[in-house]
Amino acid sequence: MPHRNVATRGLTEGALLAGLIVVIVVVGVFFLPSLALLLAPIPVAWLLIRWGGRVAVLAAIVASLILAWIVGPVQALLAGAVFAPTGLALGWGIRKGVPASMTILVTAAVLLVMSLLSLWLTVRLMGINPIEETIQAQIEAWKMSLALQRRLGAPSSQAEALEKTLTQLPEFLRMIIPVAFLLGAGIWAYFIYLVAGLLLRRFGYPLPSLPPMLHWRIQTKVVWLLLGLTVLSGVMGARWPEIRRVFVNLQILDVLVFGFQGLLIGLYYLRKLEVPRWFQAILVVLVLSIGVSWLVLMWVGLLDTWFNYRRLGVQREPA
């Protein structure tokens, strides 16, 4: 009898949270797509933590069936293909007590795979390519900027440089799609974990915490892996042009990852010097608005692998 009561409670809670998933996804479909991506996986994770995978999967299926009736089977399939596996990955990591960084990594990997699958299904089932639509929107924005600069009397050299960039922009945007998806999955998985931590903590399920962001450091083996893959793809790209796309994506990944590490080091010392937060924000905007500064930050972040700048000046306690 107790086992039956527990099962009944799990199914009841699953039905309630399936309804919550439906509300979140419907609001996301019609108003805030990012809200659905951020919140819809969390009820699935919650159910897996409390009642196991069977209840979580069943709730996701029920939510998808209800969504099929409200927004149509295709939209329901596309949404379910993303929020259900992502929530299961998140819940698995939390239930098993996996460290926060590994849980985020697994969630990001699942989110990446399912996002690519959802994109493929969108093209195949709906005949819509969201990537091409985004690229066209970017091109139109650049065209409007070019036209505005010409009306304002911008120097002809500046307008010509912008026009030349405009002709190369579509191919460049298509080239960097892989790194955009990779970084996007990582960032979204991180935010999903943060929001899940805030919500689940209120119900007595504290999540393993990440170290403070200003103390984040890239592991040495990850640095060598990124550098090795970049050099290898660069050498291979000189012989096989199709590999050049991989090389460009890895270069962008290196600049952004190591540049972010360098930015954290700068913020660490600004915080240590007790610089006001508002002035820190101004400095960050100014630094990032100068193109070459990101390269400087990249080298700072890369060299931190061996010099560990945040330990400079730290006095060791006598033995």
C-alpha atoms as a PDB file:
ATOM      1  CA  MET A   1       0.000   0.000   0.000  1.00  0.00           C
ATOM      2  CA  PRO A   2       2.729   2.573   0.838  1.00  0.00           C
ATOM      3  CA  HIS A   3       4.434   1.827  -2.464  1.00  0.00           C
ATOM      4  CA  ARG A   4       1.140   2.386  -4.273  1.00  0.00           C
ATOM      5  CA  ASN A   5       0.628   5.700  -2.459  1.00  0.00           C
ATOM      6  CA  VAL A   6       4.117   6.834  -3.450  1.00  0.00           C
ATOM      7  CA  ALA A   7       3.494   5.862  -7.070  1.00  0.00           C
ATOM      8  CA  THR A   8       0.159   7.688  -7.041  1.00  0.00           C
ATOM      9  CA  ARG A   9       1.745  10.821  -5.591  1.00  0.00           C
ATOM     10  CA  GLY A  10       4.473  10.699  -8.235  1.00  0.00           C
ATOM     11  CA  LEU A  11       1.978  10.386 -11.077  1.00  0.00           C
ATOM     12  CA  THR A  12      -0.177  13.153  -9.616  1.00  0.00           C
ATOM     13  CA  GLU A  13       2.786  15.470  -9.305  1.00  0.00           C
ATOM     14  CA  GLY A  14       3.872  14.482 -12.808  1.00  0.00           C
ATOM     15  CA  ALA A  15       0.452  15.399 -14.200  1.00  0.00           C
ATOM     16  CA  LEU A  16       0.541  18.797 -12.470  1.00  0.00           C
ATOM     17  CA  LEU A  17       4.036  19.577 -13.709  1.00  0.00           C
ATOM     18  CA  ALA A  18       3.131  18.404 -17.221  1.00  0.00           C
ATOM     19  CA  GLY A  19       0.500  21.143 -17.162  1.00  0.00           C
ATOM     20  CA  LEU A  20       3.131  23.619 -15.990  1.00  0.00           C
ATOM     21  CA  ILE A  21       5.404  22.600 -18.875  1.00  0.00           C
ATOM     22  CA  VAL A  22       2.551  23.199 -21.295  1.00  0.00           C
ATOM     23  CA  VAL A  23       1.983  26.716 -19.940  1.00  0.00           C
ATOM     24  CA  ILE A  24       5.699  27.536 -20.134  1.00  0.00           C
ATOM     25  CA  VAL A  25       6.063  26.262 -23.710  1.00  0.00           C
ATOM     26  CA  VAL A  26       2.875  27.964 -24.941  1.00  0.00           C
ATOM     27  CA  VAL A  27       4.033  31.291 -23.497  1.00  0.00           C
ATOM     28  CA  GLY A  28       7.422  30.679 -25.110  1.00  0.00           C
ATOM     29  CA  VAL A  29       5.991  29.809 -28.518  1.00  0.00           C
ATOM     30  CA  PHE A  30       3.812  32.904 -28.720  1.00  0.00           C
ATOM     31  CA  PHE A  31       5.750  35.467 -26.695  1.00  0.00           C
ATOM     32  CA  LEU A  32       9.157  34.545 -25.230  1.00  0.00           C
ATOM     33  CA  PRO A  33      10.946  31.590 -26.874  1.00  0.00           C
ATOM     34  CA  SER A  34      13.952  32.020 -24.591  1.00  0.00           C
ATOM     35  CA  LEU A  35      11.698  31.613 -21.540  1.00  0.00           C
ATOM     36  CA  ALA A  36      10.595  28.172 -22.681  1.00  0.00           C
ATOM     37  CA  LEU A  37      14.174  27.057 -23.286  1.00  0.00           C
ATOM     38  CA  LEU A  38      15.199  28.299 -19.857  1.00  0.00           C
ATOM     39  CA  LEU A  39      12.319  27.007 -17.720  1.00  0.00           C
ATOM     40  CA  ALA A  40      10.677  24.027 -19.474  1.00  0.00           C
ATOM     41  CA  PRO A  41      13.485  21.520 -18.691  1.00  0.00           C
ATOM     42  CA  ILE A  42      13.333  22.245 -14.938  1.00  0.00           C
ATOM     43  CA  PRO A  43      10.011  20.470 -14.142  1.00  0.00           C
ATOM     44  CA  VAL A  44      11.307  17.390 -15.970  1.00  0.00           C
ATOM     45  CA  ALA A  45      14.493  17.507 -13.898  1.00  0.00           C
ATOM     46  CA  TRP A  46      12.474  17.949 -10.701  1.00  0.00           C
ATOM     47  CA  LEU A  47      10.369  14.892 -11.434  1.00  0.00           C
ATOM     48  CA  LEU A  48      13.411  12.775 -12.193  1.00  0.00           C
ATOM     49  CA  ILE A  49      15.056  13.849  -8.928  1.00  0.00           C
ATOM     50  CA  ARG A  50      11.966  13.069  -6.817  1.00  0.00           C
ATOM     51  CA  TRP A  51      10.350  10.131  -8.583  1.00  0.00           C
ATOM     52  CA  GLY A  52      12.813   8.725 -11.091  1.00  0.00           C
ATOM     53  CA  GLY A  53      13.086   8.631 -14.850  1.00  0.00           C
ATOM     54  CA  ARG A  54       9.807   6.832 -15.564  1.00  0.00           C
ATOM     55  CA  VAL A  55       7.619   9.578 -14.086  1.00  0.00           C
ATOM     56  CA  ALA A  56       9.735  12.310 -15.707  1.00  0.00           C
ATOM     57  CA  VAL A  57       9.522  10.718 -19.166  1.00  0.00           C
ATOM     58  CA  LEU A  58       5.785  10.094 -18.790  1.00  0.00           C
ATOM     59  CA  ALA A  59       5.182  13.734 -17.803  1.00  0.00           C
ATOM     60  CA  ALA A  60       7.205  14.936 -20.802  1.00  0.00           C
ATOM     61  CA  ILE A  61       5.152  12.718 -23.126  1.00  0.00           C
ATOM     62  CA  VAL A  62       1.865  13.946 -21.631  1.00  0.00           C
ATOM     63  CA  ALA A  63       3.005  17.559 -21.954  1.00  0.00           C
ATOM     64  CA  SER A  64       3.974  16.982 -25.597  1.00  0.00           C
ATOM     65  CA  LEU A  65       0.577  15.415 -26.384  1.00  0.00           C
ATOM     66  CA  ILE A  66      -1.258  18.363 -24.845  1.00  0.00           C
ATOM     67  CA  LEU A  67       0.998  20.762 -26.741  1.00  0.00           C
ATOM     68  CA  ALA A  68       0.196  18.936 -29.971  1.00  0.00           C
ATOM     69  CA  TRP A  69      -3.463  19.772 -29.405  1.00  0.00           C
ATOM     70  CA  ILE A  70      -2.744  23.436 -28.604  1.00  0.00           C
ATOM     71  CA  VAL A  71       0.106  24.495 -30.923  1.00  0.00           C
ATOM     72  CA  GLY A  72       0.126  21.630 -33.407  1.00  0.00           C
ATOM     73  CA  PRO A  73       2.065  18.360 -33.622  1.00  0.00           C
ATOM     74  CA  VAL A  74       5.106  19.841 -35.345  1.00  0.00           C
ATOM     75  CA  GLN A  75       5.648  22.590 -32.756  1.00  0.00           C
ATOM     76  CA  ALA A  76       5.039  20.084 -29.979  1.00  0.00           C
ATOM     77  CA  LEU A  77       7.609  17.709 -31.461  1.00  0.00           C
ATOM     78  CA  LEU A  78      10.189  20.475 -31.845  1.00  0.00           C
ATOM     79  CA  ALA A  79       9.663  21.709 -28.293  1.00  0.00           C
ATOM     80  CA  GLY A  80       9.590  18.241 -26.720  1.00  0.00           C
ATOM     81  CA  ALA A  81      12.749  17.225 -28.551  1.00  0.00           C
ATOM     82  CA  VAL A  82      14.605  19.983 -26.689  1.00  0.00           C
ATOM     83  CA  PHE A  83      13.080  20.415 -23.214  1.00  0.00           C
ATOM     84  CA  ALA A  84      12.581  16.725 -22.357  1.00  0.00           C
ATOM     85  CA  PRO A  85      16.131  15.370 -22.981  1.00  0.00           C
ATOM     86  CA  THR A  86      17.670  18.544 -21.535  1.00  0.00           C
ATOM     87  CA  GLY A  87      15.610  18.213 -18.355  1.00  0.00           C
ATOM     88  CA  LEU A  88      16.453  14.517 -18.079  1.00  0.00           C
ATOM     89  CA  ALA A  89      20.177  15.256 -18.385  1.00  0.00           C
ATOM     90  CA  LEU A  90      19.946  17.999 -15.766  1.00  0.00           C
ATOM     91  CA  GLY A  91      17.930  15.824 -13.380  1.00  0.00           C
ATOM     92  CA  TRP A  92      20.285  12.871 -13.841  1.00  0.00           C
ATOM     93  CA  GLY A  93      23.304  14.955 -12.871  1.00  0.00           C
ATOM     94  CA  ILE A  94      21.584  16.371  -9.787  1.00  0.00           C
ATOM     95  CA  ARG A  95      20.119  13.036  -8.647  1.00  0.00           C
ATOM     96  CA  LYS A  96      23.458  11.244  -9.000  1.00  0.00           C
ATOM     97  CA  GLY A  97      25.317  13.977  -7.137  1.00  0.00           C
ATOM     98  CA  VAL A  98      27.541  14.736 -10.113  1.00  0.00           C
ATOM     99  CA  PRO A  99      29.694  17.875  -9.677  1.00  0.00           C
ATOM    100  CA  ALA A 100      28.075  21.051 -10.978  1.00  0.00           C
ATOM    101  CA  SER A 101      30.556  21.558 -13.801  1.00  0.00           C
ATOM    102  CA  MET A 102      30.031  18.023 -15.131  1.00  0.00           C
ATOM    103  CA  THR A 103      26.237  18.332 -14.854  1.00  0.00           C
ATOM    104  CA  ILE A 104      26.356  21.551 -16.870  1.00  0.00           C
ATOM    105  CA  LEU A 105      28.664  19.934 -19.426  1.00  0.00           C
ATOM    106  CA  VAL A 106      26.374  16.918 -19.883  1.00  0.00           C
ATOM    107  CA  THR A 107      23.308  19.175 -20.076  1.00  0.00           C
ATOM    108  CA  ALA A 108      25.048  21.359 -22.660  1.00  0.00           C
ATOM    109  CA  ALA A 109      25.998  18.327 -24.762  1.00  0.00           C
ATOM    110  CA  VAL A 110      22.425  17.028 -24.755  1.00  0.00           C
ATOM    111  CA  LEU A 111      21.051  20.499 -25.473  1.00  0.00           C
ATOM    112  CA  LEU A 112      23.469  20.889 -28.393  1.00  0.00           C
ATOM    113  CA  VAL A 113      22.522  17.564 -29.970  1.00  0.00           C
ATOM    114  CA  MET A 114      18.786  18.110 -29.519  1.00  0.00           C
ATOM    115  CA  SER A 115      18.971  21.708 -30.801  1.00  0.00           C
ATOM    116  CA  LEU A 116      20.644  20.468 -33.982  1.00  0.00           C
ATOM    117  CA  LEU A 117      17.988  17.770 -34.299  1.00  0.00           C
ATOM    118  CA  SER A 118      15.245  20.350 -33.769  1.00  0.00           C
ATOM    119  CA  LEU A 119      16.817  22.552 -36.439  1.00  0.00           C
ATOM    120  CA  TRP A 120      16.914  19.641 -38.875  1.00  0.00           C
ATOM    121  CA  LEU A 121      13.279  18.794 -38.138  1.00  0.00           C
ATOM    122  CA  THR A 122      12.288  22.443 -38.625  1.00  0.00           C
ATOM    123  CA  VAL A 123      13.841  22.475 -42.082  1.00  0.00           C
ATOM    124  CA  ARG A 124      12.422  19.092 -43.056  1.00  0.00           C
ATOM    125  CA  LEU A 125       8.915  19.408 -41.627  1.00  0.00           C
ATOM    126  CA  MET A 126       8.207  23.135 -41.907  1.00  0.00           C
ATOM    127  CA  GLY A 127      10.432  24.157 -44.808  1.00  0.00           C
ATOM    128  CA  ILE A 128      11.873  26.966 -42.687  1.00  0.00           C
ATOM    129  CA  ASN A 129      15.566  27.525 -42.104  1.00  0.00           C
ATOM    130  CA  PRO A 130      15.933  29.703 -38.974  1.00  0.00           C
ATOM    131  CA  ILE A 131      19.657  30.103 -39.575  1.00  0.00           C
ATOM    132  CA  GLU A 132      19.200  31.570 -43.045  1.00  0.00           C
ATOM    133  CA  GLU A 133      16.453  33.851 -41.751  1.00  0.00           C
ATOM    134  CA  THR A 134      18.790  35.091 -39.014  1.00  0.00           C
ATOM    135  CA  ILE A 135      21.584  35.674 -41.528  1.00  0.00           C
ATOM    136  CA  GLN A 136      19.264  37.624 -43.800  1.00  0.00           C
ATOM    137  CA  ALA A 137      18.137  39.747 -40.860  1.00  0.00           C
ATOM    138  CA  GLN A 138      21.769  40.550 -40.052  1.00  0.00           C
ATOM    139  CA  ILE A 139      22.458  41.496 -43.661  1.00  0.00           C
ATOM    140  CA  GLU A 140      19.447  43.804 -43.734  1.00  0.00           C
ATOM    141  CA  ALA A 141      20.619  45.464 -40.514  1.00  0.00           C
ATOM    142  CA  TRP A 142      24.062  46.070 -42.024  1.00  0.00           C
ATOM    143  CA  LYS A 143      22.482  47.481 -45.174  1.00  0.00           C
ATOM    144  CA  MET A 144      20.424  49.905 -43.114  1.00  0.00           C
ATOM    145  CA  SER A 145      23.552  50.933 -41.201  1.00  0.00           C
ATOM    146  CA  LEU A 146      25.431  51.497 -44.457  1.00  0.00           C
ATOM    147  CA  ALA A 147      22.600  53.588 -45.897  1.00  0.00           C
ATOM    148  CA  LEU A 148      22.408  55.653 -42.692  1.00  0.00           C
ATOM    149  CA  GLN A 149      26.152  56.343 -42.695  1.00  0.00           C
ATOM    150  CA  ARG A 150      26.009  57.508 -46.303  1.00  0.00           C
ATOM    151  CA  ARG A 151      23.102  59.841 -45.542  1.00  0.00           C
ATOM    152  CA  LEU A 152      25.040  61.277 -42.601  1.00  0.00           C
ATOM    153  CA  GLY A 153      28.010  61.995 -44.854  1.00  0.00           C
ATOM    154  CA  ALA A 154      30.409  59.335 -43.625  1.00  0.00           C
ATOM    155  CA  PRO A 155      33.807  59.207 -45.382  1.00  0.00           C
ATOM    156  CA  SER A 156      33.723  57.194 -48.586  1.00  0.00           C
ATOM    157  CA  SER A 157      36.553  54.935 -47.353  1.00  0.00           C
ATOM    158  CA  GLN A 158      34.511  53.984 -44.295  1.00  0.00           C
ATOM    159  CA  ALA A 159      31.428  53.266 -46.392  1.00  0.00           C
ATOM    160  CA  GLU A 160      33.466  51.198 -48.851  1.00  0.00           C
ATOM    161  CA  ALA A 161      34.987  49.153 -46.022  1.00  0.00           C
ATOM    162  CA  LEU A 162      31.525  48.480 -44.608  1.00  0.00           C
ATOM    163  CA  GLU A 163      30.210  47.519 -48.037  1.00  0.00           C
ATOM    164  CA  LYS A 164      33.118  45.108 -48.540  1.00  0.00           C
ATOM    165  CA  THR A 165      32.407  43.568 -45.160  1.00  0.00           C
ATOM    166  CA  LEU A 166      28.752  43.254 -46.123  1.00  0.00           C
ATOM    167  CA  THR A 167      29.623  41.163 -49.181  1.00  0.00           C
ATOM    168  CA  GLN A 168      31.659  38.756 -47.033  1.00  0.00           C
ATOM    169  CA  LEU A 169      29.260  38.646 -44.086  1.00  0.00           C
ATOM    170  CA  PRO A 170      26.838  35.893 -45.269  1.00  0.00           C
ATOM    171  CA  GLU A 171      29.625  33.385 -45.919  1.00  0.00           C
ATOM    172  CA  PHE A 172      31.338  34.239 -42.631  1.00  0.00           C
ATOM    173  CA  LEU A 173      28.105  33.822 -40.627  1.00  0.00           C
ATOM    174  CA  ARG A 174      27.456  30.456 -42.247  1.00  0.00           C
ATOM    175  CA  MET A 175      31.030  29.425 -41.487  1.00  0.00           C
ATOM    176  CA  ILE A 176      30.800  30.125 -37.740  1.00  0.00           C
ATOM    177  CA  ILE A 177      27.507  28.275 -37.180  1.00  0.00           C
ATOM    178  CA  PRO A 178      29.216  25.362 -35.345  1.00  0.00           C
ATOM    179  CA  VAL A 179      30.942  27.556 -32.747  1.00  0.00           C
ATOM    180  CA  ALA A 180      27.760  29.597 -32.310  1.00  0.00           C
ATOM    181  CA  PHE A 181      25.763  26.456 -31.503  1.00  0.00           C
ATOM    182  CA  LEU A 182      28.515  25.126 -29.233  1.00  0.00           C
ATOM    183  CA  LEU A 183      28.852  28.300 -27.179  1.00  0.00           C
ATOM    184  CA  GLY A 184      25.095  28.837 -27.150  1.00  0.00           C
ATOM    185  CA  ALA A 185      24.485  25.368 -25.714  1.00  0.00           C
ATOM    186  CA  GLY A 186      27.099  25.930 -23.019  1.00  0.00           C
ATOM    187  CA  ILE A 187      25.756  29.324 -22.002  1.00  0.00           C
ATOM    188  CA  TRP A 188      22.129  28.163 -21.922  1.00  0.00           C
ATOM    189  CA  ALA A 189      23.019  25.050 -19.916  1.00  0.00           C
ATOM    190  CA  TYR A 190      24.777  27.271 -17.377  1.00  0.00           C
ATOM    191  CA  PHE A 191      21.749  29.564 -17.012  1.00  0.00           C
ATOM    192  CA  ILE A 192      19.355  26.611 -16.800  1.00  0.00           C
ATOM    193  CA  TYR A 193      21.461  25.195 -13.970  1.00  0.00           C
ATOM    194  CA  LEU A 194      21.483  28.547 -12.149  1.00  0.00           C
ATOM    195  CA  VAL A 195      17.705  28.947 -12.403  1.00  0.00           C
ATOM    196  CA  ALA A 196      17.173  25.316 -11.393  1.00  0.00           C
ATOM    197  CA  GLY A 197      19.362  25.919  -8.349  1.00  0.00           C
ATOM    198  CA  LEU A 198      17.334  28.945  -7.300  1.00  0.00           C
ATOM    199  CA  LEU A 199      14.024  27.124  -7.669  1.00  0.00           C
ATOM    200  CA  LEU A 200      14.923  23.691  -6.304  1.00  0.00           C
ATOM    201  CA  ARG A 201      16.691  25.134  -3.274  1.00  0.00           C
ATOM    202  CA  ARG A 202      13.369  26.538  -2.109  1.00  0.00           C
ATOM    203  CA  PHE A 203      11.941  22.998  -2.048  1.00  0.00           C
ATOM    204  CA  GLY A 204      14.802  21.492  -0.091  1.00  0.00           C
ATOM    205  CA  TYR A 205      16.946  20.278  -2.993  1.00  0.00           C
ATOM    206  CA  PRO A 206      20.166  22.306  -2.909  1.00  0.00           C
ATOM    207  CA  LEU A 207      22.289  21.788  -6.001  1.00  0.00           C
ATOM    208  CA  PRO A 208      26.082  21.409  -5.916  1.00  0.00           C
ATOM    209  CA  SER A 209      27.452  24.916  -6.256  1.00  0.00           C
ATOM    210  CA  LEU A 210      29.959  26.206  -8.759  1.00  0.00           C
ATOM    211  CA  PRO A 211      33.069  28.060  -7.577  1.00  0.00           C
ATOM    212  CA  PRO A 212      32.762  31.877  -7.716  1.00  0.00           C
ATOM    213  CA  MET A 213      33.015  33.022 -11.323  1.00  0.00           C
ATOM    214  CA  LEU A 214      35.999  35.302 -10.663  1.00  0.00           C
ATOM    215  CA  HIS A 215      37.967  32.203  -9.639  1.00  0.00           C
ATOM    216  CA  TRP A 216      37.156  30.119 -12.708  1.00  0.00           C
ATOM    217  CA  ARG A 217      40.207  28.694 -14.449  1.00  0.00           C
ATOM    218  CA  ILE A 218      40.495  26.535 -17.549  1.00  0.00           C
ATOM    219  CA  GLN A 219      42.096  23.180 -16.863  1.00  0.00           C
ATOM    220  CA  THR A 220      45.528  22.707 -18.422  1.00  0.00           C
ATOM    221  CA  LYS A 221      44.455  19.624 -20.380  1.00  0.00           C
ATOM    222  CA  VAL A 222      41.551  21.574 -21.905  1.00  0.00           C
ATOM    223  CA  VAL A 223      43.935  24.367 -22.937  1.00  0.00           C
ATOM    224  CA  TRP A 224      46.288  21.906 -24.619  1.00  0.00           C
ATOM    225  CA  LEU A 225      43.344  20.200 -26.322  1.00  0.00           C
ATOM    226  CA  LEU A 226      42.054  23.487 -27.766  1.00  0.00           C
ATOM    227  CA  LEU A 227      45.509  24.603 -28.874  1.00  0.00           C
ATOM    228  CA  GLY A 228      46.323  21.207 -30.359  1.00  0.00           C
ATOM    229  CA  LEU A 229      43.085  21.036 -32.331  1.00  0.00           C
ATOM    230  CA  THR A 230      43.561  24.601 -33.572  1.00  0.00           C
ATOM    231  CA  VAL A 231      47.105  23.969 -34.792  1.00  0.00           C
ATOM    232  CA  LEU A 232      46.166  20.625 -36.341  1.00  0.00           C
ATOM    233  CA  SER A 233      43.166  22.074 -38.198  1.00  0.00           C
ATOM    234  CA  GLY A 234      45.312  25.015 -39.375  1.00  0.00           C
ATOM    235  CA  VAL A 235      47.946  22.692 -40.819  1.00  0.00           C
ATOM    236  CA  MET A 236      45.324  20.442 -42.433  1.00  0.00           C
ATOM    237  CA  GLY A 237      43.387  23.466 -43.701  1.00  0.00           C
ATOM    238  CA  ALA A 238      46.402  24.586 -45.713  1.00  0.00           C
ATOM    239  CA  ARG A 239      46.104  21.380 -47.733  1.00  0.00           C
ATOM    240  CA  TRP A 240      42.375  20.684 -47.605  1.00  0.00           C
ATOM    241  CA  PRO A 241      40.289  23.887 -47.934  1.00  0.00           C
ATOM    242  CA  GLU A 242      37.188  22.275 -46.404  1.00  0.00           C
ATOM    243  CA  ILE A 243      39.064  21.927 -43.082  1.00  0.00           C
ATOM    244  CA  ARG A 244      39.518  25.704 -43.026  1.00  0.00           C
ATOM    245  CA  ARG A 245      35.998  26.057 -41.617  1.00  0.00           C
ATOM    246  CA  VAL A 246      37.015  23.971 -38.628  1.00  0.00           C
ATOM    247  CA  PHE A 247      40.138  26.108 -38.181  1.00  0.00           C
ATOM    248  CA  VAL A 248      38.140  29.355 -38.240  1.00  0.00           C
ATOM    249  CA  ASN A 249      35.637  28.028 -35.697  1.00  0.00           C
ATOM    250  CA  LEU A 250      38.409  26.856 -33.374  1.00  0.00           C
ATOM    251  CA  GLN A 251      40.140  30.228 -33.653  1.00  0.00           C
ATOM    252  CA  ILE A 252      36.946  32.018 -32.647  1.00  0.00           C
ATOM    253  CA  LEU A 253      36.428  29.546 -29.805  1.00  0.00           C
ATOM    254  CA  ASP A 254      39.992  30.150 -28.536  1.00  0.00           C
ATOM    255  CA  VAL A 255      39.594  33.929 -28.646  1.00  0.00           C
ATOM    256  CA  LEU A 256      36.259  33.883 -26.811  1.00  0.00           C
ATOM    257  CA  VAL A 257      37.155  31.260 -24.193  1.00  0.00           C
ATOM    258  CA  PHE A 258      40.599  32.608 -23.327  1.00  0.00           C
ATOM    259  CA  GLY A 259      39.394  36.190 -23.692  1.00  0.00           C
ATOM    260  CA  PHE A 260      36.661  35.526 -21.154  1.00  0.00           C
ATOM    261  CA  GLN A 261      39.278  34.031 -18.838  1.00  0.00           C
ATOM    262  CA  GLY A 262      41.365  37.200 -19.227  1.00  0.00           C
ATOM    263  CA  LEU A 263      38.325  39.349 -18.496  1.00  0.00           C
ATOM    264  CA  LEU A 264      37.678  37.442 -15.269  1.00  0.00           C
ATOM    265  CA  ILE A 265      41.282  38.048 -14.202  1.00  0.00           C
ATOM    266  CA  GLY A 266      40.869  41.773 -14.796  1.00  0.00           C
ATOM    267  CA  LEU A 267      37.619  41.843 -12.840  1.00  0.00           C
ATOM    268  CA  TYR A 268      39.265  39.886 -10.042  1.00  0.00           C
ATOM    269  CA  TYR A 269      41.886  42.586  -9.542  1.00  0.00           C
ATOM    270  CA  LEU A 270      39.352  45.397  -9.885  1.00  0.00           C
ATOM    271  CA  ARG A 271      37.309  43.739  -7.143  1.00  0.00           C
ATOM    272  CA  LYS A 272      40.442  43.235  -5.054  1.00  0.00           C
ATOM    273  CA  LEU A 273      41.255  46.943  -5.383  1.00  0.00           C
ATOM    274  CA  GLU A 274      37.667  47.707  -4.306  1.00  0.00           C
ATOM    275  CA  VAL A 275      36.867  49.589  -7.498  1.00  0.00           C
ATOM    276  CA  PRO A 276      33.146  50.546  -7.501  1.00  0.00           C
ATOM    277  CA  ARG A 277      30.921  48.157  -9.427  1.00  0.00           C
ATOM    278  CA  TRP A 278      29.537  50.897 -11.677  1.00  0.00           C
ATOM    279  CA  PHE A 279      33.063  51.897 -12.695  1.00  0.00           C
ATOM    280  CA  GLN A 280      33.926  48.243 -13.340  1.00  0.00           C
ATOM    281  CA  ALA A 281      30.949  48.028 -15.714  1.00  0.00           C
ATOM    282  CA  ILE A 282      32.102  51.137 -17.583  1.00  0.00           C
ATOM    283  CA  LEU A 283      35.617  49.732 -17.918  1.00  0.00           C
ATOM    284  CA  VAL A 284      34.309  46.414 -19.250  1.00  0.00           C
ATOM    285  CA  VAL A 285      32.200  48.180 -21.894  1.00  0.00           C
ATOM    286  CA  LEU A 286      35.139  50.376 -22.929  1.00  0.00           C
ATOM    287  CA  VAL A 287      37.556  47.454 -23.125  1.00  0.00           C
ATOM    288  CA  LEU A 288      35.203  45.250 -25.122  1.00  0.00           C
ATOM    289  CA  SER A 289      34.375  48.074 -27.532  1.00  0.00           C
ATOM    290  CA  ILE A 290      38.007  48.121 -28.674  1.00  0.00           C
ATOM    291  CA  GLY A 291      38.615  45.180 -30.993  1.00  0.00           C
ATOM    292  CA  VAL A 292      42.282  44.646 -30.171  1.00  0.00           C
ATOM    293  CA  SER A 293      41.558  44.521 -26.430  1.00  0.00           C
ATOM    294  CA  TRP A 294      39.871  41.130 -26.776  1.00  0.00           C
ATOM    295  CA  LEU A 295      43.104  39.740 -28.255  1.00  0.00           C
ATOM    296  CA  VAL A 296      45.027  41.116 -25.269  1.00  0.00           C
ATOM    297  CA  LEU A 297      42.530  39.482 -22.916  1.00  0.00           C
ATOM    298  CA  MET A 298      42.908  36.238 -24.861  1.00  0.00           C
ATOM    299  CA  TRP A 299      46.664  36.162 -24.268  1.00  0.00           C
ATOM    300  CA  VAL A 300      46.218  37.033 -20.604  1.00  0.00           C
ATOM    301  CA  GLY A 301      43.708  34.222 -20.209  1.00  0.00           C
ATOM    302  CA  LEU A 302      45.882  31.761 -22.104  1.00  0.00           C
ATOM    303  CA  LEU A 303      49.045  32.533 -20.130  1.00  0.00           C
ATOM    304  CA  ASP A 304      47.076  32.241 -16.889  1.00  0.00           C
ATOM    305  CA  THR A 305      47.234  28.484 -17.499  1.00  0.00           C
ATOM    306  CA  TRP A 306      50.870  28.532 -16.419  1.00  0.00           C
ATOM    307  CA  PHE A 307      51.206  31.726 -14.334  1.00  0.00           C
ATOM    308  CA  ASN A 308      47.909  31.674 -12.373  1.00  0.00           C
ATOM    309  CA  TYR A 309      47.783  35.466 -12.082  1.00  0.00           C
ATOM    310  CA  ARG A 310      45.205  35.424  -9.297  1.00  0.00           C
ATOM    311  CA  ARG A 311      47.754  33.834  -6.976  1.00  0.00           C
ATOM    312  CA  LEU A 312      50.344  36.565  -7.535  1.00  0.00           C
ATOM    313  CA  GLY A 313      51.116  38.351  -4.330  1.00  0.00           C
ATOM    314  CA  VAL A 314      49.441  35.681  -2.172  1.00  0.00           C
ATOM    315  CA  GLN A 315      51.609  35.094   0.885  1.00  0.00           C
ATOM    316  CA  ARG A 316      52.153  31.499   1.862  1.00  0.00           C
ATOM    317  CA  GLU A 317      51.660  30.688   5.501  1.00  0.00           C
ATOM    318  CA  PRO A 318      54.846  29.602   7.287  1.00  0.00           C
ATOM    319  CA  ALA A 319      55.166  25.891   7.827  1.00  0.00           C
END
